[in-house]
Amino acid sequence: MKDLIHIRHQEGSTVSAEEKENLLLARFASVPSLVVALSGGADSAYLAWAAHRALGAQALCVTALSPSYSAHDRAVVEEFVNKLGVRHEFIETHEMDNPAYRANAADRCYFCKDELFSALDELAHARGFAAVAYGVNADDPLDFRPGHRAAREHQVLAPLLDAGLSKAEIRLLSHRAGLPTWDRPASACLASRLPYGTEVTLERLALVERGEAALRGLGFRQFRVRLHDRLARVEISPEEMPRALAPEMAVAIADRLKAAGFTYVALDLEGYRQGSLNETLSPAGPRTARTARGT
């Protein structure tokens, strides 16, 4: 039952976002039942909405809880599922038990997603669901994301990718559907804030979570707290950078992050960009803020 959704279009085709959505919903209707991995980001939330609209109670959205999943993200998911009335459950995953995950090599995401999809496969089999799906979009394959390899190995459906839906189109369609996640900033697990080679520990994840909660409390919306030993390298979106650079706010950021447990606080002048820690993997050296992608 894992080959039911194939909506890829030939390169260069001009299929509108609305047409892609209609095809997506029509194909979903041919799936008897589905487990949807719901992290709470714009992509997985739109996928959950589409599956719920097409399948109703035959679509089960599942969110995995682990130390790398923040309390803030959990609150976002709870608000989303309560508003939409989708069928939803939380489960626990145990990637922290895997030494290969904790070692935090460049393929860390593979071990995390392998644990997630193993848990979802087990749930789907036990409950009689036909397949598992996740929210990778048409832009994601351009990025360095080892987790996609785990999805292929587990034969997880990628409906948004197969529909050719880009991130921009997903945000547009989410807005039209009235989803509160339509403009949610990009999110990723807390482990993505640790440089490759720095062991993933409960203490480090908790430190990052406290630091990002502090920035959120100061009203910032798009940011990352990258952990470098006891130093917090703060990335703020270009739009919010002037506010962060104001002397009074700079003091407040430093005070809040030191209270969270950091010894030093630095503001990255390149600002927020996805995948800044992936820059060390490039043979050509660090990339610019415009070309870096990832978590």
Protein backbone atom coordinates (compact mmCIF):
# COMPACT_ATOMS: atom_id res chain seq x y z
CA MET A 1 0.00 0.00 0.00
CA LYS A 2 3.03 2.30 -0.01
CA ASP A 3 2.98 3.20 -3.70
CA LEU A 4 -0.36 4.96 -3.85
CA ILE A 5 0.72 8.58 -4.14
CA HIS A 6 2.56 9.55 -7.32
CA ILE A 7 1.83 13.10 -8.48
CA ARG A 8 5.23 14.16 -9.82
CA HIS A 9 5.11 16.52 -12.77
CA GLN A 10 7.51 16.88 -15.63
CA GLU A 11 10.21 19.49 -15.15
CA GLY A 12 9.12 22.82 -16.58
CA SER A 13 5.40 22.15 -16.20
CA THR A 14 3.23 25.03 -15.04
CA VAL A 15 0.88 23.43 -12.55
CA SER A 16 -0.62 25.90 -10.10
CA ALA A 17 -0.50 25.41 -6.34
CA GLU A 18 -4.27 24.96 -6.32
CA GLU A 19 -4.11 22.25 -8.96
CA LYS A 20 -1.41 20.45 -7.03
CA GLU A 21 -3.56 20.61 -3.91
CA ASN A 22 -6.58 19.20 -5.72
CA LEU A 23 -4.50 16.33 -7.07
CA LEU A 24 -3.03 15.73 -3.62
CA LEU A 25 -6.46 15.53 -2.02
CA ALA A 26 -7.82 13.29 -4.78
CA ARG A 27 -4.93 10.87 -4.40
CA PHE A 28 -5.27 10.89 -0.61
CA ALA A 29 -8.86 9.76 -1.04
CA SER A 30 -7.57 6.55 -2.63
CA VAL A 31 -5.48 5.68 0.44
CA PRO A 32 -7.47 3.52 2.88
CA SER A 33 -5.74 4.90 5.96
CA LEU A 34 -2.60 6.81 6.84
CA VAL A 35 -0.27 7.68 9.71
CA VAL A 36 1.13 11.22 9.34
CA ALA A 37 4.30 12.31 11.11
CA LEU A 38 3.40 15.70 12.60
CA SER A 39 6.24 17.82 13.98
CA GLY A 40 4.27 21.06 14.02
CA GLY A 41 6.14 22.85 11.24
CA ALA A 42 4.39 24.38 8.25
CA ASP A 43 4.97 21.35 6.02
CA SER A 44 3.83 18.58 8.35
CA ALA A 45 0.89 20.69 9.55
CA TYR A 46 -0.33 21.21 5.99
CA LEU A 47 0.11 17.51 5.29
CA ALA A 48 -1.90 16.69 8.42
CA TRP A 49 -4.67 19.05 7.33
CA ALA A 50 -4.80 17.56 3.83
CA ALA A 51 -4.87 13.99 5.13
CA HIS A 52 -7.59 14.87 7.64
CA ARG A 53 -9.67 16.59 4.97
CA ALA A 54 -9.41 13.63 2.62
CA LEU A 55 -9.51 10.72 5.07
CA GLY A 56 -11.10 12.03 8.25
CA ALA A 57 -10.64 9.60 11.13
CA GLN A 58 -8.72 7.24 8.86
CA ALA A 59 -5.78 9.64 9.13
CA LEU A 60 -3.86 9.53 12.38
CA CYS A 61 -1.35 12.29 13.07
CA VAL A 62 1.47 11.29 15.39
CA THR A 63 4.03 13.48 17.13
CA ALA A 64 7.18 11.96 18.61
CA LEU A 65 8.37 13.25 21.97
CA SER A 66 12.01 13.05 22.97
CA PRO A 67 14.56 15.28 24.74
CA SER A 68 15.38 16.96 21.42
CA TYR A 69 11.75 18.07 20.92
CA SER A 70 11.06 21.33 22.71
CA ALA A 71 8.14 22.09 25.00
CA HIS A 72 7.38 25.05 22.73
CA ASP A 73 6.98 22.80 19.71
CA ARG A 74 4.73 20.49 21.69
CA ALA A 75 2.52 23.43 22.64
CA VAL A 76 2.29 24.47 18.98
CA VAL A 77 1.17 20.96 18.00
CA GLU A 78 -1.39 20.78 20.79
CA GLU A 79 -2.89 24.10 19.74
CA PHE A 80 -2.96 23.03 16.09
CA VAL A 81 -4.67 19.67 16.58
CA ASN A 82 -7.17 21.13 19.04
CA LYS A 83 -8.13 23.88 16.59
CA LEU A 84 -8.51 21.54 13.61
CA GLY A 85 -9.95 18.55 15.43
CA VAL A 86 -7.61 16.10 13.73
CA ARG A 87 -7.05 12.64 15.16
CA HIS A 88 -3.73 12.83 16.96
CA GLU A 89 -1.47 11.01 19.39
CA PHE A 90 1.89 11.60 21.06
CA ILE A 91 4.42 8.79 21.23
CA GLU A 92 7.90 8.59 22.71
CA THR A 93 11.03 7.86 20.68
CA HIS A 94 14.37 6.82 22.09
CA GLU A 95 17.07 8.03 19.74
CA MET A 96 19.09 9.10 22.78
CA ASP A 97 19.64 5.40 23.51
CA ASN A 98 21.60 5.07 20.27
CA PRO A 99 25.34 5.89 20.62
CA ALA A 100 25.49 6.69 16.89
CA TYR A 101 22.88 9.41 17.37
CA ARG A 102 24.54 10.84 20.46
CA ALA A 103 27.91 10.96 18.66
CA ASN A 104 26.41 13.73 16.52
CA ALA A 105 28.22 13.04 13.28
CA ALA A 106 27.02 14.66 10.06
CA ASP A 107 24.49 11.83 9.59
CA ARG A 108 22.86 12.28 13.03
CA CYS A 109 19.48 12.96 11.44
CA TYR A 110 19.51 9.55 9.84
CA PHE A 111 19.50 7.80 13.22
CA CYS A 112 16.79 10.11 14.56
CA LYS A 113 14.51 9.53 11.57
CA ASP A 114 15.25 5.80 11.56
CA GLU A 115 14.01 5.65 15.16
CA LEU A 116 10.96 7.75 14.30
CA PHE A 117 9.93 5.74 11.26
CA SER A 118 10.56 2.45 13.04
CA ALA A 119 8.14 3.58 15.76
CA LEU A 120 5.57 4.76 13.21
CA ASP A 121 5.89 1.55 11.20
CA GLU A 122 5.24 -0.46 14.34
CA LEU A 123 2.22 1.67 15.22
CA ALA A 124 0.82 1.46 11.68
CA HIS A 125 1.21 -2.30 11.62
CA ALA A 126 -0.39 -2.75 15.04
CA ARG A 127 -3.36 -0.50 14.18
CA GLY A 128 -3.87 -1.64 10.62
CA PHE A 129 -2.93 1.60 8.85
CA ALA A 130 -1.96 1.26 5.21
CA ALA A 131 1.06 3.56 5.15
CA VAL A 132 3.13 6.25 6.86
CA ALA A 133 3.74 9.71 5.40
CA TYR A 134 5.93 12.67 6.27
CA GLY A 135 6.15 16.30 5.21
CA VAL A 136 9.21 16.63 2.99
CA ASN A 137 8.58 19.21 0.24
CA ALA A 138 9.90 19.83 -3.26
CA ASP A 139 12.60 22.20 -2.00
CA ASP A 140 14.06 19.82 0.57
CA PRO A 141 15.95 17.43 -1.74
CA LEU A 142 18.28 20.33 -2.58
CA ASP A 143 19.47 20.28 0.99
CA PHE A 144 21.81 18.11 3.05
CA ARG A 145 19.37 15.99 5.06
CA PRO A 146 20.40 12.40 5.85
CA GLY A 147 16.98 11.81 7.41
CA HIS A 148 15.54 11.45 3.93
CA ARG A 149 17.58 8.29 3.49
CA ALA A 150 15.80 6.75 6.47
CA ALA A 151 12.45 7.66 4.92
CA ARG A 152 13.35 5.86 1.70
CA GLU A 153 14.52 2.79 3.60
CA HIS A 154 11.23 2.64 5.51
CA GLN A 155 9.20 3.32 2.33
CA VAL A 156 7.58 6.35 3.91
CA LEU A 157 5.29 8.27 1.59
CA ALA A 158 6.25 11.83 0.63
CA PRO A 159 2.96 13.28 -0.70
CA LEU A 160 4.06 16.93 -0.76
CA LEU A 161 7.25 16.09 -2.62
CA ASP A 162 5.37 13.88 -5.08
CA ALA A 163 2.91 16.72 -5.66
CA GLY A 164 5.80 19.06 -6.43
CA LEU A 165 4.72 21.46 -3.70
CA SER A 166 7.38 23.99 -2.69
CA LYS A 167 7.68 25.63 0.70
CA ALA A 168 6.23 28.86 -0.68
CA GLU A 169 3.26 27.03 -2.16
CA ILE A 170 2.65 25.16 1.09
CA ARG A 171 2.62 28.44 3.00
CA LEU A 172 0.24 29.97 0.45
CA LEU A 173 -2.17 27.03 0.58
CA SER A 174 -1.93 26.85 4.38
CA HIS A 175 -2.87 30.53 4.59
CA ARG A 176 -5.86 29.99 2.32
CA ALA A 177 -6.92 27.03 4.45
CA GLY A 178 -6.73 29.17 7.60
CA LEU A 179 -3.97 27.13 9.20
CA PRO A 180 -2.19 28.94 12.04
CA THR A 181 1.09 27.38 10.93
CA TRP A 182 1.13 29.05 7.51
CA ASP A 183 3.83 31.53 8.51
CA ARG A 184 5.48 29.60 11.30
CA PRO A 185 9.25 30.09 11.20
CA ALA A 186 11.36 27.12 10.17
CA SER A 187 11.97 24.79 13.08
CA ALA A 188 14.21 21.82 13.77
CA CYS A 189 15.14 19.58 16.67
CA LEU A 190 17.27 20.96 19.49
CA ALA A 191 20.16 18.67 18.57
CA SER A 192 20.61 20.68 15.37
CA ARG A 193 22.02 23.52 17.50
CA LEU A 194 25.07 21.45 18.47
CA PRO A 195 28.13 21.44 16.18
CA TYR A 196 28.90 18.11 14.57
CA GLY A 197 31.13 16.05 16.84
CA THR A 198 29.73 17.58 20.03
CA GLU A 199 27.97 14.78 21.89
CA VAL A 200 24.23 15.13 22.23
CA THR A 201 23.44 15.09 25.95
CA LEU A 202 20.35 15.86 27.98
CA GLU A 203 22.16 18.76 29.63
CA ARG A 204 23.14 20.39 26.34
CA LEU A 205 19.68 20.01 24.86
CA ALA A 206 18.13 21.54 27.98
CA LEU A 207 20.59 24.43 27.86
CA VAL A 208 19.72 25.22 24.26
CA GLU A 209 16.00 24.97 25.01
CA ARG A 210 16.31 27.42 27.91
CA GLY A 211 18.30 29.81 25.74
CA GLU A 212 15.76 29.79 22.92
CA ALA A 213 12.90 30.18 25.37
CA ALA A 214 14.68 33.30 26.66
CA LEU A 215 14.88 34.80 23.17
CA ARG A 216 11.25 33.94 22.54
CA GLY A 217 10.41 35.69 25.79
CA LEU A 218 12.11 38.82 24.46
CA GLY A 219 9.77 38.80 21.47
CA PHE A 220 12.07 37.41 18.78
CA ARG A 221 10.48 35.14 16.22
CA GLN A 222 13.11 33.61 13.93
CA PHE A 223 16.36 32.64 15.62
CA ARG A 224 18.72 29.89 16.70
CA VAL A 225 20.93 29.48 19.74
CA ARG A 226 23.95 27.52 18.49
CA LEU A 227 25.91 25.91 21.31
CA HIS A 228 29.70 26.14 21.28
CA ASP A 229 30.85 24.76 24.62
CA ARG A 230 29.54 27.38 27.08
CA LEU A 231 29.15 30.05 24.40
CA ALA A 232 25.79 30.84 22.83
CA ARG A 233 26.15 31.94 19.20
CA VAL A 234 22.85 33.69 18.58
CA GLU A 235 21.46 33.88 15.07
CA ILE A 236 18.65 36.40 14.55
CA SER A 237 16.72 36.91 11.32
CA PRO A 238 17.89 39.90 9.25
CA GLU A 239 14.52 41.60 9.79
CA GLU A 240 14.93 41.41 13.56
CA MET A 241 18.66 42.15 13.67
CA PRO A 242 18.36 45.93 14.18
CA ARG A 243 16.29 45.31 17.31
CA ALA A 244 18.83 42.78 18.59
CA LEU A 245 21.68 45.24 18.02
CA ALA A 246 20.05 48.02 20.04
CA PRO A 247 22.25 48.51 23.14
CA GLU A 248 19.46 47.89 25.64
CA MET A 249 18.31 44.73 23.85
CA ALA A 250 21.87 43.45 23.49
CA VAL A 251 22.25 43.70 27.26
CA ALA A 252 18.91 41.96 27.78
CA ILE A 253 19.89 39.10 25.44
CA ALA A 254 23.19 38.59 27.25
CA ASP A 255 21.56 38.72 30.67
CA ARG A 256 18.79 36.26 29.76
CA LEU A 257 21.14 33.76 28.15
CA LYS A 258 23.62 33.90 30.99
CA ALA A 259 20.75 33.33 33.39
CA ALA A 260 19.83 30.30 31.28
CA GLY A 261 23.28 28.84 31.90
CA PHE A 262 25.61 30.17 29.21
CA THR A 263 28.94 31.72 30.18
CA TYR A 264 29.42 33.77 27.01
CA VAL A 265 26.96 35.21 24.50
CA ALA A 266 27.81 36.24 20.93
CA LEU A 267 25.56 37.64 18.20
CA ASP A 268 26.31 36.19 14.76
CA LEU A 269 26.54 39.16 12.38
CA GLU A 270 25.50 37.02 9.41
CA GLY A 271 22.14 36.56 11.10
CA TYR A 272 19.87 33.55 11.05
CA ARG A 273 20.31 31.12 8.19
CA GLN A 274 19.24 27.51 7.97
CA GLY A 275 22.05 25.02 8.20
CA SER A 276 24.84 27.26 9.42
CA LEU A 277 26.45 24.27 11.13
CA ASN A 278 26.49 22.48 7.78
CA GLU A 279 28.92 25.13 6.53
CA THR A 280 31.78 23.17 8.08
CA LEU A 281 30.92 20.22 5.79
CA SER A 282 31.52 22.15 2.57
CA PRO A 283 34.90 21.38 0.94
CA ALA A 284 34.95 24.96 -0.29
CA GLY A 285 34.66 26.32 3.23
CA PRO A 286 31.91 28.37 4.86
CA ARG A 287 28.99 29.41 2.71
CA THR A 288 27.29 32.75 2.70
CA ALA A 289 24.06 33.44 4.55
CA ARG A 290 22.24 33.42 1.21
CA THR A 291 23.36 29.93 0.19
CA ALA A 292 23.36 28.07 3.50
CA ARG A 293 20.42 25.76 4.08
CA GLY A 294 19.48 23.09 6.61
CA THR A 295 18.38 23.17 10.25
